[in-house]
C-alpha atoms as a PDB file:
ATOM      1  CA  THR A   1      -0.074  -0.047   0.084  1.00  0.00           C
ATOM      2  CA  THR A   2       1.353   3.447  -0.808  1.00  0.00           C
ATOM      3  CA  GLU A   3      -0.559   5.199   2.223  1.00  0.00           C
ATOM      4  CA  TYR A   4       1.084   5.909   5.134  1.00  0.00           C
ATOM      5  CA  ALA A   5      -1.039   5.280   8.390  1.00  0.00           C
ATOM      6  CA  ALA A   6       1.148   7.429  10.784  1.00  0.00           C
ATOM      7  CA  PHE A   7       0.264  10.434   8.884  1.00  0.00           C
ATOM      8  CA  ALA A   8      -3.713   9.155   7.981  1.00  0.00           C
ATOM      9  CA  GLY A   9      -5.955  11.773   9.279  1.00  0.00           C
ATOM     10  CA  GLN A  10      -3.740  13.918  10.577  1.00  0.00           C
ATOM     11  CA  HIS A  11      -3.741  17.880   9.819  1.00  0.00           C
ATOM     12  CA  ILE A  12      -0.701  19.868  10.166  1.00  0.00           C
ATOM     13  CA  LYS A  13      -1.230  23.665   9.821  1.00  0.00           C
ATOM     14  CA  PRO A  14       1.308  25.970   7.829  1.00  0.00           C
ATOM     15  CA  ASN A  15       3.307  27.975  10.178  1.00  0.00           C
ATOM     16  CA  HIS A  16       1.630  31.199   8.960  1.00  0.00           C
ATOM     17  CA  ILE A  17      -1.621  29.692  10.372  1.00  0.00           C
ATOM     18  CA  ALA A  18      -0.058  28.487  13.368  1.00  0.00           C
ATOM     19  CA  ASN A  19       1.644  32.041  13.971  1.00  0.00           C
ATOM     20  CA  GLN A  20      -1.258  33.451  13.256  1.00  0.00           C
ATOM     21  CA  GLN A  21      -3.094  31.636  16.097  1.00  0.00           C
ATOM     22  CA  HIS A  22      -0.215  32.153  18.710  1.00  0.00           C
ATOM     23  CA  LEU A  23      -0.505  35.797  18.240  1.00  0.00           C
ATOM     24  CA  THR A  24      -4.411  36.078  18.306  1.00  0.00           C
ATOM     25  CA  ASN A  25      -4.262  34.086  21.371  1.00  0.00           C
ATOM     26  CA  THR A  26      -1.547  36.735  23.058  1.00  0.00           C
ATOM     27  CA  LEU A  27      -3.560  39.836  21.937  1.00  0.00           C
ATOM     28  CA  ILE A  28      -6.705  38.066  23.495  1.00  0.00           C
ATOM     29  CA  THR A  29      -5.214  37.564  26.486  1.00  0.00           C
ATOM     30  CA  ASN A  30      -3.650  41.267  26.342  1.00  0.00           C
ATOM     31  CA  PRO A  31      -5.944  43.893  25.993  1.00  0.00           C
ATOM     32  CA  THR A  32      -3.556  46.467  26.187  1.00  0.00           C
ATOM     33  CA  ARG A  33      -1.494  45.026  23.637  1.00  0.00           C
ATOM     34  CA  LEU A  34      -4.786  44.330  21.445  1.00  0.00           C
ATOM     35  CA  LYS A  35      -5.683  47.973  21.570  1.00  0.00           C
ATOM     36  CA  GLU A  36      -2.503  49.236  20.892  1.00  0.00           C
ATOM     37  CA  ALA A  37      -2.161  47.425  17.545  1.00  0.00           C
ATOM     38  CA  LEU A  38      -6.063  48.397  16.950  1.00  0.00           C
ATOM     39  CA  SER A  39      -4.912  51.723  17.479  1.00  0.00           C
ATOM     40  CA  ARG A  40      -2.100  51.706  14.686  1.00  0.00           C
ATOM     41  CA  LEU A  41      -4.427  50.587  12.223  1.00  0.00           C
ATOM     42  CA  ASN A  42      -4.654  52.472   8.505  1.00  0.00           C
ATOM     43  CA  ILE A  43      -7.535  50.993   6.794  1.00  0.00           C
ATOM     44  CA  GLN A  44      -9.005  53.554   4.169  1.00  0.00           C
ATOM     45  CA  ILE A  45     -12.705  53.278   2.310  1.00  0.00           C
ATOM     46  CA  TYR A  46     -13.208  54.446  -1.062  1.00  0.00           C
ATOM     47  CA  TYR A  47     -16.806  55.092  -2.503  1.00  0.00           C
ATOM     48  CA  ALA A  48     -16.762  55.338  -6.247  1.00  0.00           C
ATOM     49  CA  SER A  49     -19.092  57.801  -7.234  1.00  0.00           C
ATOM     50  CA  PRO A  50     -20.170  59.277 -10.430  1.00  0.00           C
ATOM     51  CA  LEU A  51     -17.657  62.134 -10.622  1.00  0.00           C
ATOM     52  CA  PRO A  52     -15.473  63.210 -13.591  1.00  0.00           C
ATOM     53  CA  LEU A  53     -13.241  60.454 -14.249  1.00  0.00           C
ATOM     54  CA  GLU A  54     -10.220  62.967 -13.426  1.00  0.00           C
ATOM     55  CA  THR A  55     -11.623  63.626  -9.966  1.00  0.00           C
ATOM     56  CA  LEU A  56     -11.914  59.989  -9.422  1.00  0.00           C
ATOM     57  CA  VAL A  57      -8.704  58.843 -10.448  1.00  0.00           C
ATOM     58  CA  THR A  58      -6.956  61.648  -8.516  1.00  0.00           C
ATOM     59  CA  GLN A  59      -9.132  60.635  -5.410  1.00  0.00           C
ATOM     60  CA  LEU A  60      -8.209  56.784  -5.726  1.00  0.00           C
ATOM     61  CA  GLU A  61      -4.960  57.171  -6.267  1.00  0.00           C
ATOM     62  CA  GLN A  62      -4.633  59.430  -3.197  1.00  0.00           C
ATOM     63  CA  ALA A  63      -6.767  56.726  -0.932  1.00  0.00           C
ATOM     64  CA  LEU A  64      -4.227  53.829  -2.319  1.00  0.00           C
ATOM     65  CA  LEU A  65      -1.131  56.087  -2.011  1.00  0.00           C
ATOM     66  CA  SER A  66      -2.003  57.768   1.633  1.00  0.00           C
ATOM     67  CA  GLY A  67      -0.117  54.906   3.464  1.00  0.00           C
ATOM     68  CA  ALA A  68      -2.822  52.923   4.113  1.00  0.00           C
ATOM     69  CA  GLU A  69      -2.292  49.221   4.518  1.00  0.00           C
ATOM     70  CA  ALA A  70      -5.878  48.367   3.057  1.00  0.00           C
ATOM     71  CA  VAL A  71      -8.199  50.063   0.874  1.00  0.00           C
ATOM     72  CA  ILE A  72     -11.871  48.901   0.667  1.00  0.00           C
ATOM     73  CA  LEU A  73     -13.073  49.964  -3.006  1.00  0.00           C
ATOM     74  CA  LEU A  74     -16.923  50.549  -2.630  1.00  0.00           C
ATOM     75  CA  ALA A  75     -18.024  49.801  -6.082  1.00  0.00           C
ATOM     76  CA  TYR A  76     -21.600  50.093  -8.275  1.00  0.00           C
ATOM     77  CA  GLY A  77     -23.784  47.153  -8.218  1.00  0.00           C
ATOM     78  CA  LEU A  78     -22.040  43.872  -8.239  1.00  0.00           C
ATOM     79  CA  GLY A  79     -18.652  45.326  -8.951  1.00  0.00           C
ATOM     80  CA  ASN A  80     -18.376  47.629 -11.521  1.00  0.00           C
ATOM     81  CA  PHE A  81     -15.664  50.100 -10.996  1.00  0.00           C
ATOM     82  CA  PRO A  82     -14.429  52.649 -13.869  1.00  0.00           C
ATOM     83  CA  ASP A  83     -11.899  51.262 -16.125  1.00  0.00           C
ATOM     84  CA  ASP A  84      -8.969  53.704 -16.997  1.00  0.00           C
ATOM     85  CA  LEU A  85      -5.375  53.010 -17.102  1.00  0.00           C
ATOM     86  CA  ARG A  86      -4.563  55.710 -14.631  1.00  0.00           C
ATOM     87  CA  ILE A  87      -6.475  53.158 -12.166  1.00  0.00           C
ATOM     88  CA  HIS A  88      -4.696  50.030 -13.603  1.00  0.00           C
ATOM     89  CA  ARG A  89      -1.517  51.596 -12.619  1.00  0.00           C
ATOM     90  CA  ALA A  90      -2.651  53.214  -9.130  1.00  0.00           C
ATOM     91  CA  LEU A  91      -3.829  49.710  -8.105  1.00  0.00           C
ATOM     92  CA  LEU A  92      -0.743  48.099  -9.108  1.00  0.00           C
ATOM     93  CA  ALA A  93       1.191  50.608  -7.363  1.00  0.00           C
ATOM     94  CA  ALA A  94      -0.701  49.954  -4.350  1.00  0.00           C
ATOM     95  CA  GLU A  95       0.069  45.729  -4.548  1.00  0.00           C
ATOM     96  CA  GLN A  96       3.853  46.863  -4.975  1.00  0.00           C
ATOM     97  CA  HIS A  97       3.684  48.816  -1.835  1.00  0.00           C
ATOM     98  CA  GLY A  98       1.798  45.969   0.178  1.00  0.00           C
ATOM     99  CA  VAL A  99      -1.761  47.595   0.108  1.00  0.00           C
ATOM    100  CA  LEU A 100      -4.522  45.191   0.131  1.00  0.00           C
ATOM    101  CA  VAL A 101      -7.167  46.218  -1.827  1.00  0.00           C
ATOM    102  CA  ILE A 102     -10.770  44.893  -1.343  1.00  0.00           C
ATOM    103  CA  LEU A 103     -13.492  45.299  -3.512  1.00  0.00           C
ATOM    104  CA  THR A 104     -17.235  45.459  -2.283  1.00  0.00           C
ATOM    105  CA  THR A 105     -20.520  47.101  -3.152  1.00  0.00           C
ATOM    106  CA  GLN A 106     -22.302  49.965  -2.175  1.00  0.00           C
ATOM    107  CA  VAL A 107     -25.549  48.028  -2.410  1.00  0.00           C
ATOM    108  CA  PRO A 108     -26.560  47.048   1.566  1.00  0.00           C
ATOM    109  CA  PHE A 109     -27.589  43.662   0.433  1.00  0.00           C
ATOM    110  CA  GLY A 110     -25.662  41.411  -1.726  1.00  0.00           C
ATOM    111  CA  GLY A 111     -22.005  41.160  -2.953  1.00  0.00           C
ATOM    112  CA  VAL A 112     -19.583  41.669  -5.821  1.00  0.00           C
ATOM    113  CA  GLU A 113     -19.072  39.038  -8.992  1.00  0.00           C
ATOM    114  CA  SER A 114     -16.091  38.748 -10.087  1.00  0.00           C
ATOM    115  CA  ARG A 115     -17.877  36.774 -13.711  1.00  0.00           C
ATOM    116  CA  TYR A 116     -18.452  40.151 -15.031  1.00  0.00           C
ATOM    117  CA  ALA A 117     -15.851  42.341 -16.983  1.00  0.00           C
ATOM    118  CA  ALA A 118     -15.187  44.819 -14.154  1.00  0.00           C
ATOM    119  CA  GLY A 119     -14.255  42.047 -11.635  1.00  0.00           C
ATOM    120  CA  ASN A 120     -11.874  40.427 -14.076  1.00  0.00           C
ATOM    121  CA  TRP A 121      -9.992  43.714 -14.989  1.00  0.00           C
ATOM    122  CA  LEU A 122      -9.635  44.884 -11.111  1.00  0.00           C
ATOM    123  CA  ALA A 123      -8.492  40.813 -10.161  1.00  0.00           C
ATOM    124  CA  ALA A 124      -5.918  41.472 -12.819  1.00  0.00           C
ATOM    125  CA  CYS A 125      -4.719  44.728 -10.828  1.00  0.00           C
ATOM    126  CA  GLY A 126      -4.369  42.698  -7.525  1.00  0.00           C
ATOM    127  CA  VAL A 127      -7.769  43.604  -6.212  1.00  0.00           C
ATOM    128  CA  LEU A 128      -9.535  40.953  -4.268  1.00  0.00           C
ATOM    129  CA  SER A 129     -12.820  40.152  -3.921  1.00  0.00           C
ATOM    130  CA  GLY A 130     -15.035  41.076  -0.921  1.00  0.00           C
ATOM    131  CA  GLY A 131     -17.707  38.640  -2.099  1.00  0.00           C
ATOM    132  CA  GLU A 132     -21.014  38.663   0.001  1.00  0.00           C
ATOM    133  CA  LEU A 133     -19.328  40.190   3.002  1.00  0.00           C
ATOM    134  CA  ALA A 134     -21.019  43.489   4.246  1.00  0.00           C
ATOM    135  CA  LEU A 135     -18.482  46.631   4.729  1.00  0.00           C
ATOM    136  CA  PRO A 136     -18.486  45.852   8.550  1.00  0.00           C
ATOM    137  CA  ALA A 137     -17.008  42.242   8.302  1.00  0.00           C
ATOM    138  CA  ILE A 138     -14.761  43.351   5.661  1.00  0.00           C
ATOM    139  CA  PHE A 139     -13.158  45.986   8.024  1.00  0.00           C
ATOM    140  CA  ALA A 140     -13.186  43.724  10.655  1.00  0.00           C
ATOM    141  CA  ARG A 141     -11.235  41.006   8.690  1.00  0.00           C
ATOM    142  CA  LEU A 142      -8.815  43.323   7.410  1.00  0.00           C
ATOM    143  CA  ALA A 143      -8.201  44.878  11.096  1.00  0.00           C
ATOM    144  CA  TRP A 144      -7.643  41.232  12.448  1.00  0.00           C
ATOM    145  CA  LEU A 145      -5.280  40.454   9.496  1.00  0.00           C
ATOM    146  CA  GLN A 146      -3.198  43.645  10.006  1.00  0.00           C
ATOM    147  CA  ILE A 147      -3.052  42.735  13.422  1.00  0.00           C
ATOM    148  CA  THR A 148      -2.092  39.075  13.182  1.00  0.00           C
ATOM    149  CA  ALA A 149      -0.541  38.818   9.821  1.00  0.00           C
ATOM    150  CA  SER A 150       3.029  39.927   9.459  1.00  0.00           C
ATOM    151  CA  THR A 151       3.409  40.161   5.863  1.00  0.00           C
ATOM    152  CA  TYR A 152       1.512  41.252   2.633  1.00  0.00           C
ATOM    153  CA  THR A 153       1.888  38.113   1.300  1.00  0.00           C
ATOM    154  CA  GLU A 154       0.665  36.382   4.206  1.00  0.00           C
ATOM    155  CA  ARG A 155      -2.428  38.716   4.565  1.00  0.00           C
ATOM    156  CA  ARG A 156      -3.263  38.181   0.889  1.00  0.00           C
ATOM    157  CA  GLN A 157      -2.994  34.528   0.981  1.00  0.00           C
ATOM    158  CA  LEU A 158      -5.203  34.092   4.196  1.00  0.00           C
ATOM    159  CA  TRP A 159      -7.830  36.646   2.502  1.00  0.00           C
ATOM    160  CA  LEU A 160      -7.895  34.317  -0.572  1.00  0.00           C
ATOM    161  CA  GLU A 161      -7.974  31.022   1.742  1.00  0.00           C
ATOM    162  CA  TYR A 162     -10.829  32.586   3.938  1.00  0.00           C
ATOM    163  CA  ASN A 163     -12.932  33.530   0.972  1.00  0.00           C
ATOM    164  CA  THR A 164     -12.605  30.188  -0.673  1.00  0.00           C
ATOM    165  CA  ALA A 165     -13.692  28.488   2.515  1.00  0.00           C
ATOM    166  CA  PHE A 166     -16.431  30.547   2.923  1.00  0.00           C
ATOM    167  CA  VAL A 167     -17.818  30.230  -0.939  1.00  0.00           C
ATOM    168  CA  HIS A 168     -21.309  28.367  -0.970  1.00  0.00           C
END
């Protein structure tokens, strides 16, 4: 047989998950440290609005390059966002600077769909889907990732893992 009985049924967690759980436990048992970590958060929220494209691009660039650790883009409908080469460049620059960008909708109930053209080009620029999460849930998840995951790559990977785990 090719199955190794010693490993059957065992689930070994990757180091980043184990480290994150340890840090989470440390923060929960030390409220002062948790409060300090939360006070350092810099998560921006950008509402897309029907402004002239020049204004929208300028505002988005400012939000993305403001020193934020994460930016939540609130798009129209199921995730529609104005498509412009300057927006592509700003999103790619944000990704290069380690800024997590999450796409969600301004619609109170529902979520974003990546099957539409807008979702596809945004994903190609490094934007992650908020799925069906409401704005407060996205903010809370980003806050938790910012204080428990030490690198941009780790935060991005964990966001993708969690979204995959909760997709119906």
